[in-house]
Every structure is written in structure tokens, then in C-alpha cells.
Amino acid sequence: MCGRFFIDEQSIRKAENLVKMIDLSLAGRREIFPSQKAPVIFKQGEEYAEELFSWGFSRFDKKGLMINARSETALERKMFRKSLLERRCLIPAAGFYEWDREKNKIAFFKETSPVIFMAGFYKPDQDSSRFVILTTQANRSVRGIHERMPMIIEERHIEDWFGNETFEHLLHIEPESLSHVAAEAKN
């Protein structure tokens, strides 16, 4: 987990409250796959900025991508530590997908908001920056489908996420409940 997420015009518009320059041409793209570019929000000085980054760090053996990192252990892993300490980001999404035991695609989203902010971090790469999504143990609303889920930063915690002394406690907060439907019904 998280292997796919989705964005739509509503989620992009809501994220514009943080950043005024999100590329609205992405709003029509529904499903984001690993290795694709997606809008990422990060702090540049005292301001929020947005750019398109590619999803996934190259593996040390150059065979595939690391698209997720466990929030519980990311600070302990050499591959992730520096990026998590120095380059935290938020990935705005309308929601994310998981697959149940029968391989049905399930869309998870927040009924009370058009956007969720998935926690992540990034690092510069040859042609552009790349990001990874932090995952955590699934909350009650996801646990019946999958044991992991993206770490979601609530709007009230955004400043803490970008604060150098305040972000670590967020690595251990259980995300709020989400709604879910069969993916075809959500589209």
C-alpha cells in the first residue's frame, strides 16, 4: 500500500488554498500510477510551493521503484532518513485505491473534504525530483481491506508536518476514518 491514488478537479481546487499554482491540467487525470508525475506540495522558505514530481525512488539495485515508506521505520532507514528530515511534502489526492481479497478495486476517500493530504518526502533526481508516500497501520475504516494505508495529514496539522521540531509526533497518529466504495462506483 499505497499503490495508486486519484485526483480530480475538486481535490486540486481545495489544494490551491495552500498553493496557487497547481497545474489544473492534471485535474482530469483520475488515476496516478507509480513512476508517473503528480503534484506535490512542499515548503520553500516560508511559502508553500508545488511542482510535478515522479512517484518512486529508484531502488539501490536499480530494479524497480520504492513507492512507499513505513512511517514507523522511515527515520531508521538510510535510504529515507535525510529526505524525511529535510524534504517533507504533501501529495494532494481525492483518495487512494486498495484491492480486497477478491481483487476488487476499492476507492477510499473523505466524505467531508474533496482532498486528502498524503504525507511524503522527496529527493532531487537527474531530471526531476521524486517522492515517496509514507504509510501507516490501517485505521478501522481500511483494516478490513488492507493492513496499511497512506499517512494522512489533516489540515490542522499541516504546519506541524513542515515544522522541523514538530513533525515526528505525526508519524504515530492514526488517520481519521474514511469512506469507501467499489472504484467503479466512485468514478
N, C-alpha and C. Protein backbone atom coordinates (compact mmCIF):
# COMPACT_ATOMS: atom_id res chain seq x y z
N MET A 1 0.86 -1.16 0.00
CA MET A 1 0.00 0.00 0.00
C MET A 1 0.90 1.21 0.00
N CYS A 2 0.69 2.25 -0.47
CA CYS A 2 -0.34 2.75 -1.36
C CYS A 2 0.18 2.60 -2.79
N GLY A 3 -0.51 1.86 -3.63
CA GLY A 3 -0.03 1.59 -4.97
C GLY A 3 -0.66 2.44 -6.04
N ARG A 4 -1.75 3.11 -5.72
CA ARG A 4 -2.39 4.03 -6.66
C ARG A 4 -3.21 5.03 -5.87
N PHE A 5 -3.30 6.23 -6.41
CA PHE A 5 -4.21 7.21 -5.84
C PHE A 5 -4.87 7.96 -6.96
N PHE A 6 -5.85 8.79 -6.63
CA PHE A 6 -6.55 9.52 -7.67
C PHE A 6 -6.73 10.97 -7.27
N ILE A 7 -6.76 11.81 -8.28
CA ILE A 7 -7.01 13.24 -8.09
C ILE A 7 -8.13 13.64 -9.03
N ASP A 8 -8.79 14.72 -8.68
CA ASP A 8 -9.81 15.26 -9.56
C ASP A 8 -9.80 16.78 -9.40
N GLU A 9 -10.64 17.44 -10.15
CA GLU A 9 -10.64 18.91 -10.14
C GLU A 9 -10.95 19.46 -8.75
N GLN A 10 -11.89 18.83 -8.03
CA GLN A 10 -12.23 19.31 -6.68
C GLN A 10 -11.04 19.21 -5.73
N SER A 11 -10.30 18.12 -5.78
CA SER A 11 -9.16 17.97 -4.87
C SER A 11 -8.07 18.98 -5.22
N ILE A 12 -7.87 19.24 -6.50
CA ILE A 12 -6.88 20.24 -6.91
C ILE A 12 -7.30 21.63 -6.45
N ARG A 13 -8.57 21.95 -6.62
CA ARG A 13 -9.06 23.28 -6.21
C ARG A 13 -8.88 23.47 -4.69
N LYS A 14 -9.18 22.45 -3.91
CA LYS A 14 -9.01 22.56 -2.46
C LYS A 14 -7.54 22.74 -2.10
N ALA A 15 -6.67 22.01 -2.77
CA ALA A 15 -5.23 22.13 -2.50
C ALA A 15 -4.71 23.52 -2.90
N GLU A 16 -5.40 24.18 -3.82
CA GLU A 16 -5.00 25.53 -4.21
C GLU A 16 -5.04 26.50 -3.04
N ASN A 17 -5.80 26.17 -1.98
CA ASN A 17 -5.79 27.02 -0.80
C ASN A 17 -4.39 27.15 -0.22
N LEU A 18 -3.58 26.11 -0.38
CA LEU A 18 -2.19 26.16 0.08
C LEU A 18 -1.28 26.76 -0.98
N VAL A 19 -1.49 26.36 -2.20
CA VAL A 19 -0.60 26.75 -3.29
C VAL A 19 -1.45 27.24 -4.45
N LYS A 20 -1.13 28.37 -4.99
CA LYS A 20 -1.95 28.98 -6.04
C LYS A 20 -1.57 28.55 -7.44
N MET A 21 -0.52 27.73 -7.60
CA MET A 21 -0.05 27.45 -8.96
C MET A 21 -0.14 25.97 -9.35
N ILE A 22 -1.04 25.23 -8.77
CA ILE A 22 -1.17 23.83 -9.13
C ILE A 22 -1.65 23.72 -10.58
N ASP A 23 -1.05 22.83 -11.33
CA ASP A 23 -1.35 22.63 -12.73
C ASP A 23 -2.72 21.97 -12.88
N LEU A 24 -3.72 22.76 -13.25
CA LEU A 24 -5.07 22.24 -13.35
C LEU A 24 -5.26 21.25 -14.49
N SER A 25 -4.32 21.15 -15.39
CA SER A 25 -4.44 20.16 -16.46
C SER A 25 -4.38 18.75 -15.87
N LEU A 26 -3.86 18.61 -14.67
CA LEU A 26 -3.83 17.30 -14.01
C LEU A 26 -5.19 16.91 -13.44
N ALA A 27 -6.09 17.88 -13.31
CA ALA A 27 -7.36 17.59 -12.66
C ALA A 27 -8.17 16.54 -13.40
N GLY A 28 -8.01 16.43 -14.69
CA GLY A 28 -8.76 15.42 -15.43
C GLY A 28 -8.18 14.03 -15.29
N ARG A 29 -6.94 13.91 -14.87
CA ARG A 29 -6.32 12.59 -14.73
C ARG A 29 -6.85 11.95 -13.46
N ARG A 30 -7.40 10.79 -13.57
CA ARG A 30 -8.04 10.16 -12.43
C ARG A 30 -7.09 9.31 -11.60
N GLU A 31 -6.32 8.48 -12.24
CA GLU A 31 -5.54 7.50 -11.51
C GLU A 31 -4.05 7.75 -11.72
N ILE A 32 -3.32 7.83 -10.62
CA ILE A 32 -1.88 8.06 -10.67
C ILE A 32 -1.19 6.73 -10.36
N PHE A 33 -0.30 6.30 -11.25
CA PHE A 33 0.44 5.06 -11.10
C PHE A 33 1.87 5.37 -10.66
N PRO A 34 2.55 4.42 -10.00
CA PRO A 34 3.96 4.61 -9.69
C PRO A 34 4.75 4.97 -10.95
N SER A 35 5.72 5.82 -10.81
CA SER A 35 6.62 6.36 -11.83
C SER A 35 6.03 7.56 -12.55
N GLN A 36 4.71 7.79 -12.45
CA GLN A 36 4.12 8.95 -13.10
C GLN A 36 4.34 10.21 -12.28
N LYS A 37 4.20 11.34 -12.94
CA LYS A 37 4.32 12.63 -12.26
C LYS A 37 2.99 13.00 -11.63
N ALA A 38 3.08 13.63 -10.47
CA ALA A 38 1.90 14.08 -9.75
C ALA A 38 2.25 15.38 -9.03
N PRO A 39 1.25 16.22 -8.73
CA PRO A 39 1.54 17.45 -7.98
C PRO A 39 1.93 17.14 -6.55
N VAL A 40 2.96 17.82 -6.08
CA VAL A 40 3.48 17.65 -4.73
C VAL A 40 3.64 19.05 -4.12
N ILE A 41 3.18 19.19 -2.89
CA ILE A 41 3.29 20.47 -2.17
C ILE A 41 4.43 20.36 -1.18
N PHE A 42 5.28 21.37 -1.15
CA PHE A 42 6.41 21.39 -0.23
C PHE A 42 6.63 22.83 0.23
N LYS A 43 7.46 23.00 1.23
CA LYS A 43 7.74 24.32 1.78
C LYS A 43 9.03 24.83 1.14
N GLN A 44 8.97 26.04 0.63
CA GLN A 44 10.13 26.70 0.04
C GLN A 44 10.32 28.00 0.80
N GLY A 45 11.24 28.00 1.75
CA GLY A 45 11.35 29.15 2.66
C GLY A 45 10.12 29.16 3.55
N GLU A 46 9.41 30.27 3.56
CA GLU A 46 8.20 30.38 4.37
C GLU A 46 6.93 30.14 3.55
N GLU A 47 7.06 29.93 2.27
CA GLU A 47 5.92 29.77 1.38
C GLU A 47 5.74 28.31 0.97
N TYR A 48 4.52 27.97 0.60
CA TYR A 48 4.25 26.67 0.02
C TYR A 48 4.49 26.76 -1.48
N ALA A 49 5.03 25.70 -2.04
CA ALA A 49 5.27 25.62 -3.47
C ALA A 49 4.71 24.29 -3.97
N GLU A 50 4.54 24.20 -5.27
CA GLU A 50 4.03 22.98 -5.89
C GLU A 50 4.81 22.72 -7.16
N GLU A 51 5.12 21.46 -7.36
CA GLU A 51 5.76 21.03 -8.60
C GLU A 51 5.29 19.62 -8.91
N LEU A 52 5.53 19.22 -10.14
CA LEU A 52 5.26 17.85 -10.53
C LEU A 52 6.51 17.02 -10.26
N PHE A 53 6.38 16.01 -9.41
CA PHE A 53 7.47 15.10 -9.11
C PHE A 53 7.06 13.71 -9.57
N SER A 54 8.03 12.87 -9.83
CA SER A 54 7.77 11.48 -10.20
C SER A 54 7.60 10.63 -8.94
N TRP A 55 6.67 9.68 -9.00
CA TRP A 55 6.37 8.85 -7.84
C TRP A 55 7.30 7.65 -7.80
N GLY A 56 8.16 7.62 -6.78
CA GLY A 56 9.02 6.48 -6.52
C GLY A 56 10.49 6.80 -6.58
N PHE A 57 11.24 6.33 -5.58
CA PHE A 57 12.71 6.41 -5.56
C PHE A 57 13.24 5.17 -6.27
N SER A 58 14.30 5.34 -7.03
CA SER A 58 14.95 4.17 -7.64
C SER A 58 15.52 3.29 -6.53
N ARG A 59 15.33 2.00 -6.67
CA ARG A 59 15.87 1.05 -5.69
C ARG A 59 17.39 1.04 -5.80
N PHE A 60 18.04 0.65 -4.73
CA PHE A 60 19.51 0.62 -4.70
C PHE A 60 20.07 -0.29 -5.79
N ASP A 61 19.33 -1.35 -6.14
CA ASP A 61 19.80 -2.27 -7.17
C ASP A 61 19.33 -1.86 -8.58
N LYS A 62 18.64 -0.70 -8.65
CA LYS A 62 18.13 -0.14 -9.91
C LYS A 62 17.07 -1.03 -10.56
N LYS A 63 16.48 -1.94 -9.79
CA LYS A 63 15.43 -2.81 -10.30
C LYS A 63 14.11 -2.41 -9.68
N GLY A 64 13.43 -1.48 -10.29
CA GLY A 64 12.14 -1.05 -9.80
C GLY A 64 12.21 0.19 -8.94
N LEU A 65 11.07 0.50 -8.31
CA LEU A 65 10.92 1.71 -7.52
C LEU A 65 10.46 1.40 -6.10
N MET A 66 10.89 2.22 -5.18
CA MET A 66 10.35 2.22 -3.81
C MET A 66 9.31 3.33 -3.81
N ILE A 67 8.02 2.97 -3.72
CA ILE A 67 6.97 3.98 -3.81
C ILE A 67 6.42 4.38 -2.45
N ASN A 68 6.67 3.56 -1.44
CA ASN A 68 6.17 3.81 -0.09
C ASN A 68 7.28 3.60 0.93
N ALA A 69 7.09 4.22 2.08
CA ALA A 69 7.98 4.00 3.23
C ALA A 69 7.11 3.90 4.47
N ARG A 70 7.46 3.01 5.35
CA ARG A 70 6.71 2.85 6.60
C ARG A 70 7.03 4.01 7.54
N SER A 71 5.98 4.68 8.00
CA SER A 71 6.18 5.83 8.90
C SER A 71 6.89 5.41 10.18
N GLU A 72 6.67 4.17 10.62
CA GLU A 72 7.25 3.71 11.88
C GLU A 72 8.77 3.53 11.79
N THR A 73 9.30 3.29 10.60
CA THR A 73 10.73 2.98 10.48
C THR A 73 11.49 3.86 9.48
N ALA A 74 10.83 4.79 8.82
CA ALA A 74 11.49 5.59 7.77
C ALA A 74 12.70 6.36 8.29
N LEU A 75 12.63 6.87 9.51
CA LEU A 75 13.77 7.62 10.06
C LEU A 75 14.97 6.72 10.34
N GLU A 76 14.75 5.43 10.47
CA GLU A 76 15.83 4.48 10.74
C GLU A 76 16.52 4.00 9.45
N ARG A 77 15.88 4.19 8.32
CA ARG A 77 16.41 3.67 7.05
C ARG A 77 17.28 4.71 6.36
N LYS A 78 18.50 4.34 6.07
CA LYS A 78 19.45 5.25 5.43
C LYS A 78 18.89 5.83 4.13
N MET A 79 18.17 5.02 3.37
CA MET A 79 17.63 5.46 2.10
C MET A 79 16.62 6.61 2.25
N PHE A 80 15.95 6.69 3.40
CA PHE A 80 14.87 7.66 3.60
C PHE A 80 15.17 8.76 4.60
N ARG A 81 16.06 8.54 5.54
CA ARG A 81 16.24 9.44 6.68
C ARG A 81 16.46 10.91 6.28
N LYS A 82 17.43 11.18 5.45
CA LYS A 82 17.76 12.56 5.09
C LYS A 82 16.57 13.25 4.41
N SER A 83 15.92 12.56 3.50
CA SER A 83 14.77 13.15 2.81
C SER A 83 13.63 13.43 3.78
N LEU A 84 13.36 12.50 4.69
CA LEU A 84 12.28 12.70 5.65
C LEU A 84 12.60 13.86 6.59
N LEU A 85 13.84 13.98 7.01
CA LEU A 85 14.22 15.07 7.90
C LEU A 85 14.22 16.44 7.20
N GLU A 86 14.60 16.47 5.93
CA GLU A 86 14.83 17.75 5.26
C GLU A 86 13.87 18.10 4.12
N ARG A 87 13.14 17.11 3.59
CA ARG A 87 12.32 17.38 2.40
C ARG A 87 10.95 16.72 2.49
N ARG A 88 10.20 17.07 3.53
CA ARG A 88 8.84 16.54 3.67
C ARG A 88 7.92 17.22 2.66
N CYS A 89 6.89 16.50 2.25
CA CYS A 89 5.93 17.07 1.30
C CYS A 89 4.55 16.50 1.57
N LEU A 90 3.58 17.06 0.88
CA LEU A 90 2.21 16.56 0.89
C LEU A 90 1.81 16.24 -0.54
N ILE A 91 1.11 15.16 -0.71
CA ILE A 91 0.61 14.77 -2.02
C ILE A 91 -0.90 14.91 -1.96
N PRO A 92 -1.45 15.94 -2.63
CA PRO A 92 -2.91 16.10 -2.61
C PRO A 92 -3.58 15.05 -3.47
N ALA A 93 -4.66 14.48 -2.97
CA ALA A 93 -5.39 13.45 -3.72
C ALA A 93 -6.86 13.51 -3.33
N ALA A 94 -7.69 13.03 -4.21
CA ALA A 94 -9.10 12.86 -3.86
C ALA A 94 -9.26 11.62 -3.01
N GLY A 95 -8.34 10.67 -3.16
CA GLY A 95 -8.37 9.43 -2.40
C GLY A 95 -7.33 8.47 -2.91
N PHE A 96 -7.41 7.23 -2.47
CA PHE A 96 -6.46 6.21 -2.90
C PHE A 96 -7.21 4.90 -3.09
N TYR A 97 -6.55 3.95 -3.74
CA TYR A 97 -7.14 2.65 -4.03
C TYR A 97 -6.44 1.55 -3.24
N GLU A 98 -7.22 0.55 -2.90
CA GLU A 98 -6.71 -0.71 -2.38
C GLU A 98 -7.53 -1.82 -3.02
N TRP A 99 -7.01 -3.03 -2.97
CA TRP A 99 -7.71 -4.18 -3.54
C TRP A 99 -8.06 -5.14 -2.42
N ASP A 100 -9.29 -5.65 -2.46
CA ASP A 100 -9.71 -6.60 -1.44
C ASP A 100 -9.23 -8.01 -1.81
N ARG A 101 -9.57 -8.99 -1.00
CA ARG A 101 -9.10 -10.37 -1.22
C ARG A 101 -9.56 -10.96 -2.55
N GLU A 102 -10.69 -10.48 -3.05
CA GLU A 102 -11.22 -10.97 -4.33
C GLU A 102 -10.71 -10.14 -5.50
N LYS A 103 -9.73 -9.26 -5.25
CA LYS A 103 -9.10 -8.41 -6.28
C LYS A 103 -10.04 -7.32 -6.80
N ASN A 104 -11.05 -6.94 -5.99
CA ASN A 104 -11.89 -5.81 -6.34
C ASN A 104 -11.20 -4.52 -5.93
N LYS A 105 -11.22 -3.54 -6.79
CA LYS A 105 -10.58 -2.25 -6.52
C LYS A 105 -11.54 -1.39 -5.70
N ILE A 106 -11.04 -0.93 -4.55
CA ILE A 106 -11.84 -0.14 -3.62
C ILE A 106 -11.24 1.26 -3.53
N ALA A 107 -12.08 2.28 -3.66
CA ALA A 107 -11.64 3.68 -3.54
C ALA A 107 -11.92 4.16 -2.12
N PHE A 108 -10.89 4.71 -1.47
CA PHE A 108 -11.02 5.30 -0.14
C PHE A 108 -10.92 6.81 -0.28
N PHE A 109 -11.78 7.54 0.42
CA PHE A 109 -11.83 8.99 0.32
C PHE A 109 -12.47 9.55 1.57
N LYS A 110 -12.45 10.86 1.67
CA LYS A 110 -13.02 11.55 2.82
C LYS A 110 -14.31 12.24 2.38
N GLU A 111 -15.41 11.85 2.95
CA GLU A 111 -16.69 12.46 2.55
C GLU A 111 -16.76 13.92 2.95
N THR A 112 -16.06 14.31 3.99
CA THR A 112 -16.15 15.68 4.49
C THR A 112 -15.19 16.65 3.81
N SER A 113 -14.38 16.17 2.87
CA SER A 113 -13.42 17.04 2.20
C SER A 113 -13.12 16.48 0.81
N PRO A 114 -12.96 17.35 -0.19
CA PRO A 114 -12.63 16.87 -1.53
C PRO A 114 -11.17 16.46 -1.68
N VAL A 115 -10.35 16.69 -0.66
CA VAL A 115 -8.93 16.38 -0.77
C VAL A 115 -8.43 15.74 0.52
N ILE A 116 -7.52 14.79 0.35
CA ILE A 116 -6.72 14.30 1.46
C ILE A 116 -5.28 14.69 1.15
N PHE A 117 -4.51 14.94 2.18
CA PHE A 117 -3.10 15.26 2.00
C PHE A 117 -2.29 14.07 2.52
N MET A 118 -1.73 13.31 1.59
CA MET A 118 -0.91 12.16 1.97
C MET A 118 0.49 12.67 2.30
N ALA A 119 1.06 12.18 3.40
CA ALA A 119 2.39 12.58 3.81
C ALA A 119 3.44 11.88 2.97
N GLY A 120 4.49 12.59 2.67
CA GLY A 120 5.58 12.00 1.91
C GLY A 120 6.85 12.81 2.07
N PHE A 121 7.83 12.43 1.30
CA PHE A 121 9.08 13.17 1.24
C PHE A 121 9.65 12.97 -0.15
N TYR A 122 10.61 13.81 -0.50
CA TYR A 122 11.14 13.78 -1.86
C TYR A 122 12.65 13.95 -1.85
N LYS A 123 13.24 13.70 -3.02
CA LYS A 123 14.66 13.96 -3.20
C LYS A 123 14.88 14.33 -4.66
N PRO A 124 15.88 15.17 -4.90
CA PRO A 124 16.21 15.52 -6.28
C PRO A 124 16.75 14.30 -7.02
N ASP A 125 16.47 14.24 -8.30
CA ASP A 125 16.97 13.17 -9.14
C ASP A 125 17.52 13.80 -10.41
N GLN A 126 17.96 13.01 -11.34
CA GLN A 126 18.62 13.53 -12.53
C GLN A 126 17.76 14.52 -13.30
N ASP A 127 16.54 14.14 -13.65
CA ASP A 127 15.71 15.01 -14.47
C ASP A 127 14.67 15.79 -13.68
N SER A 128 14.19 15.25 -12.58
CA SER A 128 13.24 15.96 -11.72
C SER A 128 13.31 15.32 -10.34
N SER A 129 12.56 15.88 -9.42
CA SER A 129 12.53 15.28 -8.09
C SER A 129 11.57 14.10 -8.07
N ARG A 130 11.79 13.20 -7.09
CA ARG A 130 10.97 12.01 -6.92
C ARG A 130 10.43 12.00 -5.49
N PHE A 131 9.22 11.47 -5.32
CA PHE A 131 8.61 11.40 -4.00
C PHE A 131 8.22 9.98 -3.63
N VAL A 132 8.07 9.78 -2.33
CA VAL A 132 7.62 8.52 -1.74
C VAL A 132 6.47 8.88 -0.80
N ILE A 133 5.47 8.02 -0.73
CA ILE A 133 4.34 8.21 0.19
C ILE A 133 4.62 7.41 1.46
N LEU A 134 4.42 8.07 2.60
CA LEU A 134 4.54 7.38 3.89
C LEU A 134 3.26 6.59 4.15
N THR A 135 3.42 5.38 4.65
CA THR A 135 2.27 4.57 5.03
C THR A 135 2.30 4.32 6.53
N THR A 136 1.14 3.95 7.04
CA THR A 136 0.98 3.65 8.45
C THR A 136 0.04 2.45 8.58
N GLN A 137 -0.11 1.95 9.79
CA GLN A 137 -1.06 0.86 10.01
C GLN A 137 -2.46 1.37 9.67
N ALA A 138 -3.22 0.53 9.04
CA ALA A 138 -4.57 0.91 8.62
C ALA A 138 -5.45 1.21 9.82
N ASN A 139 -6.29 2.21 9.66
CA ASN A 139 -7.28 2.50 10.69
C ASN A 139 -8.48 1.57 10.50
N ARG A 140 -9.47 1.71 11.35
CA ARG A 140 -10.62 0.81 11.34
C ARG A 140 -11.35 0.81 10.00
N SER A 141 -11.40 1.96 9.32
CA SER A 141 -12.16 2.04 8.07
C SER A 141 -11.45 1.37 6.89
N VAL A 142 -10.15 1.10 7.00
CA VAL A 142 -9.38 0.48 5.91
C VAL A 142 -8.97 -0.95 6.26
N ARG A 143 -8.81 -1.24 7.53
CA ARG A 143 -8.25 -2.51 8.01
C ARG A 143 -8.90 -3.76 7.42
N GLY A 144 -10.18 -3.74 7.14
CA GLY A 144 -10.85 -4.91 6.58
C GLY A 144 -10.42 -5.22 5.16
N ILE A 145 -9.81 -4.25 4.49
CA ILE A 145 -9.36 -4.42 3.10
C ILE A 145 -7.85 -4.60 3.03
N HIS A 146 -7.11 -3.83 3.81
CA HIS A 146 -5.64 -3.87 3.75
C HIS A 146 -5.08 -3.46 5.10
N GLU A 147 -3.89 -3.96 5.45
CA GLU A 147 -3.31 -3.66 6.77
C GLU A 147 -2.52 -2.35 6.80
N ARG A 148 -2.26 -1.74 5.62
CA ARG A 148 -1.52 -0.47 5.55
C ARG A 148 -2.36 0.55 4.79
N MET A 149 -2.06 1.82 5.02
CA MET A 149 -2.71 2.91 4.31
C MET A 149 -1.78 4.11 4.28
N PRO A 150 -2.04 5.08 3.39
CA PRO A 150 -1.20 6.28 3.41
C PRO A 150 -1.35 7.02 4.74
N MET A 151 -0.30 7.64 5.16
CA MET A 151 -0.35 8.52 6.32
C MET A 151 -0.99 9.82 5.84
N ILE A 152 -2.10 10.18 6.44
CA ILE A 152 -2.85 11.36 6.01
C ILE A 152 -2.64 12.48 7.02
N ILE A 153 -2.26 13.64 6.50
CA ILE A 153 -2.06 14.81 7.35
C ILE A 153 -3.33 15.66 7.28
N GLU A 154 -3.98 15.83 8.41
CA GLU A 154 -5.18 16.66 8.48
C GLU A 154 -4.76 18.13 8.34
N GLU A 155 -5.67 18.95 7.81
CA GLU A 155 -5.35 20.36 7.58
C GLU A 155 -4.83 21.05 8.84
N ARG A 156 -5.36 20.69 9.99
CA ARG A 156 -4.93 21.34 11.24
C ARG A 156 -3.49 20.99 11.61
N HIS A 157 -2.91 19.96 10.97
CA HIS A 157 -1.54 19.52 11.26
C HIS A 157 -0.53 19.87 10.18
N ILE A 158 -0.95 20.59 9.15
CA ILE A 158 -0.04 20.87 8.03
C ILE A 158 1.19 21.64 8.49
N GLU A 159 1.00 22.67 9.27
CA GLU A 159 2.16 23.45 9.74
C GLU A 159 3.10 22.58 10.58
N ASP A 160 2.54 21.71 11.41
CA ASP A 160 3.37 20.79 12.20
C ASP A 160 4.17 19.86 11.28
N TRP A 161 3.55 19.39 10.20
CA TRP A 161 4.23 18.48 9.29
C TRP A 161 5.47 19.14 8.70
N PHE A 162 5.39 20.42 8.40
CA PHE A 162 6.52 21.11 7.80
C PHE A 162 7.47 21.72 8.84
N GLY A 163 7.13 21.63 10.11
CA GLY A 163 7.98 22.16 11.16
C GLY A 163 9.10 21.20 11.51
N ASN A 164 10.31 21.70 11.67
CA ASN A 164 11.46 20.84 11.94
C ASN A 164 11.39 20.15 13.29
N GLU A 165 10.78 20.79 14.27
CA GLU A 165 10.72 20.18 15.60
C GLU A 165 9.38 19.52 15.88
N THR A 166 8.42 19.67 14.98
CA THR A 166 7.07 19.25 15.31
C THR A 166 6.53 18.09 14.49
N PHE A 167 7.25 17.61 13.51
CA PHE A 167 6.65 16.63 12.60
C PHE A 167 6.66 15.20 13.13
N GLU A 168 7.63 14.83 13.97
CA GLU A 168 7.80 13.41 14.32
C GLU A 168 6.60 12.81 15.05
N HIS A 169 5.90 13.58 15.86
CA HIS A 169 4.73 13.01 16.56
C HIS A 169 3.64 12.61 15.57
N LEU A 170 3.60 13.24 14.40
CA LEU A 170 2.58 12.91 13.40
C LEU A 170 2.81 11.53 12.78
N LEU A 171 4.03 11.03 12.86
CA LEU A 171 4.33 9.71 12.32
C LEU A 171 3.58 8.60 13.04
N HIS A 172 3.01 8.91 14.21
CA HIS A 172 2.37 7.90 15.04
C HIS A 172 0.88 8.15 15.27
N ILE A 173 0.30 9.12 14.59
CA ILE A 173 -1.13 9.41 14.75
C ILE A 173 -1.94 8.54 13.80
N GLU A 174 -3.00 7.92 14.32
CA GLU A 174 -3.87 7.12 13.46
C GLU A 174 -4.73 8.06 12.61
N PRO A 175 -4.77 7.84 11.30
CA PRO A 175 -5.59 8.69 10.43
C PRO A 175 -7.07 8.59 10.77
N GLU A 176 -7.78 9.66 10.47
CA GLU A 176 -9.22 9.69 10.68
C GLU A 176 -9.90 8.69 9.75
N SER A 177 -11.13 8.33 10.08
CA SER A 177 -11.88 7.36 9.28
C SER A 177 -12.15 7.88 7.88
N LEU A 178 -12.22 6.96 6.94
CA LEU A 178 -12.51 7.27 5.55
C LEU A 178 -13.73 6.49 5.10
N SER A 179 -14.30 6.94 4.01
CA SER A 179 -15.37 6.19 3.37
C SER A 179 -14.77 5.38 2.23
N HIS A 180 -15.49 4.38 1.77
CA HIS A 180 -15.01 3.61 0.65
C HIS A 180 -16.16 3.08 -0.18
N VAL A 181 -15.88 2.89 -1.46
CA VAL A 181 -16.84 2.30 -2.40
C VAL A 181 -16.04 1.50 -3.41
N ALA A 182 -16.74 0.62 -4.12
CA ALA A 182 -16.10 -0.05 -5.24
C ALA A 182 -15.65 1.05 -6.20
N ALA A 183 -14.44 0.93 -6.74
CA ALA A 183 -13.85 2.00 -7.53
C ALA A 183 -14.71 2.44 -8.69
N GLU A 184 -15.39 1.54 -9.34
CA GLU A 184 -16.24 1.90 -10.47
C GLU A 184 -17.38 2.80 -10.03
N ALA A 185 -17.88 2.61 -8.81
CA ALA A 185 -18.97 3.45 -8.32
C ALA A 185 -18.49 4.85 -8.00
N LYS A 186 -17.22 5.01 -7.59
CA LYS A 186 -16.67 6.32 -7.24
C LYS A 186 -16.41 7.15 -8.49
N ASN A 187 -16.00 6.52 -9.59
CA ASN A 187 -15.69 7.27 -10.81
C ASN A 187 -16.94 7.76 -11.38
